C-alpha atoms as a PDB file:
ATOM      1  CA  MET A   1      85.410  94.924  88.415  1.00  0.00           C
ATOM      2  CA  SER A   2      81.889  95.816  87.658  1.00  0.00           C
ATOM      3  CA  THR A   3      79.166  94.639  89.239  1.00  0.00           C
ATOM      4  CA  LEU A   4      77.993  91.264  88.176  1.00  0.00           C
ATOM      5  CA  SER A   5      75.911  88.479  89.840  1.00  0.00           C
ATOM      6  CA  TYR A   6      77.557  85.365  90.746  1.00  0.00           C
ATOM      7  CA  ASP A   7      76.325  83.665  87.919  1.00  0.00           C
ATOM      8  CA  GLY A   8      76.996  86.586  85.758  1.00  0.00           C
ATOM      9  CA  LEU A   9      80.669  86.255  86.781  1.00  0.00           C
ATOM     10  CA  VAL A  10      80.965  82.804  86.178  1.00  0.00           C
ATOM     11  CA  ALA A  11      79.500  82.980  82.925  1.00  0.00           C
ATOM     12  CA  ALA A  12      81.797  85.931  81.972  1.00  0.00           C
ATOM     13  CA  LEU A  13      85.030  83.934  83.164  1.00  0.00           C
ATOM     14  CA  ARG A  14      83.843  80.836  81.099  1.00  0.00           C
ATOM     15  CA  ALA A  15      83.679  83.197  78.221  1.00  0.00           C
ATOM     16  CA  GLY A  16      87.043  84.778  78.645  1.00  0.00           C
ATOM     17  CA  ALA A  17      88.530  81.186  79.058  1.00  0.00           C
ATOM     18  CA  GLU A  18      87.172  79.621  76.312  1.00  0.00           C
ATOM     19  CA  GLY A  19      89.406  78.069  73.407  1.00  0.00           C
ATOM     20  CA  SER A  20      92.426  77.447  76.012  1.00  0.00           C
ATOM     21  CA  TYR A  21      92.018  73.981  77.993  1.00  0.00           C
ATOM     22  CA  SER A  22      94.622  75.260  80.482  1.00  0.00           C
ATOM     23  CA  ALA A  23      92.446  78.620  81.019  1.00  0.00           C
ATOM     24  CA  GLU A  24      89.334  76.736  81.122  1.00  0.00           C
ATOM     25  CA  ALA A  25      90.843  74.396  83.615  1.00  0.00           C
ATOM     26  CA  ALA A  26      92.140  77.159  85.805  1.00  0.00           C
ATOM     27  CA  VAL A  27      88.950  79.170  85.891  1.00  0.00           C
ATOM     28  CA  GLU A  28      86.576  75.920  86.643  1.00  0.00           C
ATOM     29  CA  LEU A  29      89.031  75.101  89.088  1.00  0.00           C
ATOM     30  CA  LEU A  30      88.373  78.686  91.003  1.00  0.00           C
ATOM     31  CA  ILE A  31      84.782  77.867  90.330  1.00  0.00           C
ATOM     32  CA  ALA A  32      84.332  74.507  91.573  1.00  0.00           C
ATOM     33  CA  HIS A  33      86.160  75.621  95.024  1.00  0.00           C
ATOM     34  CA  GLY A  34      83.554  78.213  95.686  1.00  0.00           C
ATOM     35  CA  SER A  35      85.714  80.486  97.801  1.00  0.00           C
ATOM     36  CA  TRP A  36      87.973  82.902  95.956  1.00  0.00           C
ATOM     37  CA  LEU A  37      85.010  84.385  93.577  1.00  0.00           C
ATOM     38  CA  ARG A  38      82.551  85.124  96.589  1.00  0.00           C
ATOM     39  CA  ARG A  39      85.245  87.038  97.953  1.00  0.00           C
ATOM     40  CA  SER A  40      84.818  90.984  97.211  1.00  0.00           C
ATOM     41  CA  ASP A  41      88.669  91.573  98.043  1.00  0.00           C
ATOM     42  CA  PHE A  42      89.641  89.052  95.563  1.00  0.00           C
ATOM     43  CA  LEU A  43      87.175  90.153  92.884  1.00  0.00           C
ATOM     44  CA  ARG A  44      88.407  93.799  93.211  1.00  0.00           C
ATOM     45  CA  GLY A  45      91.998  93.028  92.779  1.00  0.00           C
ATOM     46  CA  ALA A  46      92.135  90.323  90.539  1.00  0.00           C
ATOM     47  CA  ILE A  47      89.265  90.161  88.203  1.00  0.00           C
ATOM     48  CA  GLU A  48      88.967  92.237  85.140  1.00  0.00           C
ATOM     49  CA  VAL A  49      85.331  92.335  83.632  1.00  0.00           C
ATOM     50  CA  THR A  50      85.106  93.724  79.965  1.00  0.00           C
ATOM     51  CA  PRO A  51      81.974  95.443  78.359  1.00  0.00           C
ATOM     52  CA  ALA A  52      79.554  93.271  76.485  1.00  0.00           C
ATOM     53  CA  VAL A  53      80.580  92.053  73.148  1.00  0.00           C
ATOM     54  CA  ALA A  54      77.846  93.880  70.804  1.00  0.00           C
ATOM     55  CA  HIS A  55      76.923  90.789  68.565  1.00  0.00           C
ATOM     56  CA  THR A  56      75.954  88.667  71.565  1.00  0.00           C
ATOM     57  CA  GLY A  57      75.804  90.600  74.576  1.00  0.00           C
ATOM     58  CA  GLN A  58      78.432  88.466  76.298  1.00  0.00           C
ATOM     59  CA  ARG A  59      80.989  89.947  78.680  1.00  0.00           C
ATOM     60  CA  HIS A  60      84.497  88.466  79.609  1.00  0.00           C
ATOM     61  CA  ALA A  61      86.092  88.180  82.748  1.00  0.00           C
ATOM     62  CA  PHE A  62      89.559  87.706  83.219  1.00  0.00           C
ATOM     63  CA  VAL A  63      91.941  86.723  86.323  1.00  0.00           C
ATOM     64  CA  ASP A  64      95.007  88.747  87.107  1.00  0.00           C
ATOM     65  CA  TRP A  65      96.665  85.469  88.650  1.00  0.00           C
ATOM     66  CA  HIS A  66      99.561  87.886  89.533  1.00  0.00           C
ATOM     67  CA  ALA A  67      97.658  90.221  91.400  1.00  0.00           C
ATOM     68  CA  GLY A  68      95.885  87.424  92.867  1.00  0.00           C
ATOM     69  CA  LEU A  69      98.871  85.600  94.182  1.00  0.00           C
ATOM     70  CA  ALA A  70     100.563  88.897  94.912  1.00  0.00           C
ATOM     71  CA  ALA A  71      97.792  90.243  96.773  1.00  0.00           C
ATOM     72  CA  ASP A  72      98.261  88.360 100.441  1.00  0.00           C
ATOM     73  CA  LEU A  73      94.538  88.289 101.291  1.00  0.00           C
ATOM     74  CA  PRO A  74      93.564  86.644 104.492  1.00  0.00           C
ATOM     75  CA  ALA A  75      93.021  82.845 103.310  1.00  0.00           C
ATOM     76  CA  SER A  76      93.324  79.133 104.247  1.00  0.00           C
ATOM     77  CA  SER A  77      96.268  77.080 103.270  1.00  0.00           C
ATOM     78  CA  SER A  78      93.933  75.109 101.126  1.00  0.00           C
ATOM     79  CA  GLU A  79      92.631  78.403  99.433  1.00  0.00           C
ATOM     80  CA  ARG A  80      96.099  79.555  98.925  1.00  0.00           C
ATOM     81  CA  GLN A  81      96.882  76.210  97.246  1.00  0.00           C
ATOM     82  CA  ILE A  82      93.943  76.236  95.077  1.00  0.00           C
ATOM     83  CA  LEU A  83      94.565  79.959  93.907  1.00  0.00           C
ATOM     84  CA  ALA A  84      97.920  78.650  93.210  1.00  0.00           C
ATOM     85  CA  VAL A  85      97.416  75.631  91.472  1.00  0.00           C
ATOM     86  CA  ALA A  86      94.950  77.116  89.099  1.00  0.00           C
ATOM     87  CA  ALA A  87      97.466  80.420  88.689  1.00  0.00           C
ATOM     88  CA  GLU A  88      99.992  77.292  87.453  1.00  0.00           C
ATOM     89  CA  LEU A  89      97.438  75.807  85.097  1.00  0.00           C
ATOM     90  CA  ALA A  90      97.175  79.502  83.566  1.00  0.00           C
ATOM     91  CA  GLY A  91     100.704  79.690  83.065  1.00  0.00           C
ATOM     92  CA  VAL A  92     101.531  81.895  85.743  1.00  0.00           C
ATOM     93  CA  ASP A  93     104.794  80.631  88.125  1.00  0.00           C
ATOM     94  CA  SER A  94     103.472  80.200  91.686  1.00  0.00           C
ATOM     95  CA  HIS A  95     107.176  79.888  93.098  1.00  0.00           C
ATOM     96  CA  ARG A  96     105.600  77.186  94.522  1.00  0.00           C
ATOM     97  CA  THR A  97     106.572  73.194  94.301  1.00  0.00           C
ATOM     98  CA  LEU A  98     104.025  70.691  93.136  1.00  0.00           C
ATOM     99  CA  GLY A  99     104.646  69.144  96.336  1.00  0.00           C
ATOM    100  CA  ASP A 100     103.812  71.756  98.169  1.00  0.00           C
ATOM    101  CA  LEU A 101     100.554  72.673  96.258  1.00  0.00           C
ATOM    102  CA  VAL A 102      98.749  69.579  96.641  1.00  0.00           C
ATOM    103  CA  THR A 103     100.479  68.492 100.230  1.00  0.00           C
ATOM    104  CA  GLY A 104      97.537  68.682 102.689  1.00  0.00           C
ATOM    105  CA  LEU A 105      94.604  68.923 100.656  1.00  0.00           C
ATOM    106  CA  ASP A 106      91.806  67.108 101.023  1.00  0.00           C
ATOM    107  CA  ASP A 107      89.943  64.882  99.272  1.00  0.00           C
ATOM    108  CA  THR A 108      87.280  67.113  97.968  1.00  0.00           C
ATOM    109  CA  ASN A 109      90.329  69.585  96.734  1.00  0.00           C
ATOM    110  CA  ILE A 110      92.546  67.107  95.505  1.00  0.00           C
ATOM    111  CA  THR A 111      89.628  65.682  93.372  1.00  0.00           C
ATOM    112  CA  LEU A 112      89.294  69.199  91.848  1.00  0.00           C
ATOM    113  CA  VAL A 113      92.750  69.682  91.124  1.00  0.00           C
ATOM    114  CA  ILE A 114      93.189  66.250  89.369  1.00  0.00           C
ATOM    115  CA  CYS A 115      89.651  67.018  87.301  1.00  0.00           C
ATOM    116  CA  ALA A 116      91.665  70.339  86.752  1.00  0.00           C
ATOM    117  CA  VAL A 117      94.951  68.904  85.030  1.00  0.00           C
ATOM    118  CA  LEU A 118      93.020  66.353  83.368  1.00  0.00           C
ATOM    119  CA  HIS A 119      90.633  69.135  81.785  1.00  0.00           C
ATOM    120  CA  ALA A 120      93.860  70.854  80.950  1.00  0.00           C
ATOM    121  CA  ARG A 121      95.711  68.068  79.104  1.00  0.00           C
ATOM    122  CA  SER A 122      92.564  67.423  76.973  1.00  0.00           C
ATOM    123  CA  GLY A 123      89.411  69.455  77.286  1.00  0.00           C
ATOM    124  CA  ARG A 124      85.869  69.010  78.188  1.00  0.00           C
ATOM    125  CA  GLY A 125      86.322  65.133  76.588  1.00  0.00           C
ATOM    126  CA  ALA A 126      88.932  64.070  79.301  1.00  0.00           C
ATOM    127  CA  ILE A 127      88.477  61.018  80.555  1.00  0.00           C
ATOM    128  CA  ARG A 128      87.481  60.701  84.193  1.00  0.00           C
ATOM    129  CA  LEU A 129      89.794  59.248  86.650  1.00  0.00           C
ATOM    130  CA  VAL A 130      87.922  57.180  88.980  1.00  0.00           C
ATOM    131  CA  LEU A 131      89.109  56.661  92.741  1.00  0.00           C
ATOM    132  CA  ALA A 132      87.184  53.555  94.280  1.00  0.00           C
ATOM    133  CA  PRO A 133      87.975  51.804  97.563  1.00  0.00           C
ATOM    134  CA  PHE A 134      89.672  48.592  97.286  1.00  0.00           C
ATOM    135  CA  GLY A 135      91.069  46.132  99.937  1.00  0.00           C
ATOM    136  CA  GLY A 136      90.843  48.981 102.534  1.00  0.00           C
ATOM    137  CA  ALA A 137      92.921  51.699 102.125  1.00  0.00           C
ATOM    138  CA  ASP A 138      94.368  50.966  98.616  1.00  0.00           C
ATOM    139  CA  PHE A 139      92.682  52.322  95.700  1.00  0.00           C
ATOM    140  CA  ASP A 140      91.601  51.178  92.412  1.00  0.00           C
ATOM    141  CA  LEU A 141      92.272  53.534  89.617  1.00  0.00           C
ATOM    142  CA  ARG A 142      90.087  52.930  86.601  1.00  0.00           C
ATOM    143  CA  LEU A 143      89.799  55.510  83.541  1.00  0.00           C
ATOM    144  CA  THR A 144      86.233  55.593  82.235  1.00  0.00           C
ATOM    145  CA  GLN A 145      85.025  57.759  79.362  1.00  0.00           C
ATOM    146  CA  ARG A 146      84.231  61.469  80.764  1.00  0.00           C
ATOM    147  CA  THR A 147      80.133  61.907  80.721  1.00  0.00           C
ATOM    148  CA  GLY A 148      78.448  64.739  82.026  1.00  0.00           C
ATOM    149  CA  PRO A 149      79.534  68.590  83.500  1.00  0.00           C
ATOM    150  CA  TRP A 150      83.267  69.056  83.962  1.00  0.00           C
ATOM    151  CA  ILE A 151      83.021  69.051  88.100  1.00  0.00           C
ATOM    152  CA  GLY A 152      79.681  69.496  89.012  1.00  0.00           C
ATOM    153  CA  GLU A 153      79.003  65.809  89.237  1.00  0.00           C
ATOM    154  CA  SER A 154      79.248  63.806  92.299  1.00  0.00           C
ATOM    155  CA  LEU A 155      82.882  62.749  93.607  1.00  0.00           C
ATOM    156  CA  GLU A 156      81.806  59.414  94.234  1.00  0.00           C
ATOM    157  CA  PRO A 157      82.381  56.730  91.726  1.00  0.00           C
ATOM    158  CA  PRO A 158      79.723  55.188  89.720  1.00  0.00           C
ATOM    159  CA  GLY A 159      77.515  52.661  92.154  1.00  0.00           C
ATOM    160  CA  MET A 160      78.724  54.182  95.131  1.00  0.00           C
ATOM    161  CA  GLN A 161      76.341  57.368  95.235  1.00  0.00           C
ATOM    162  CA  GLN A 162      74.010  57.843  97.948  1.00  0.00           C
END
């Protein structure tokens, strides 16, 4: 991978995924998770960056999902799960069941996965699934119209933000 700042890499990955909801969802999941794209071992083995496009100057970057999954890099179980979910969204078989991919993820990571799945289904205009506490351990599931950025918004439902 050629040298890019983190922000440059993010922009290049988004440019490379643009136009495919599932590719966008996979890339946005890695960006939002924040682990894999900050690791030089992953970047060297699984990210390909193209030269700048002449008329825009924009670079494109792509994840080699097969290489990322096969690299067997040291990682926590949730990091491996997020990488595998992202690969699956991008159309690459991780050879893991859905149950294995989501079991044990904390609230933040499962919310990122849910957002990614919704994006893969219908893009940036996707509805947002709001999980709001209702009656103790139960949850009130409400669908609301999406507004704001894809994942960068608070995970707290409206009115519950601190």
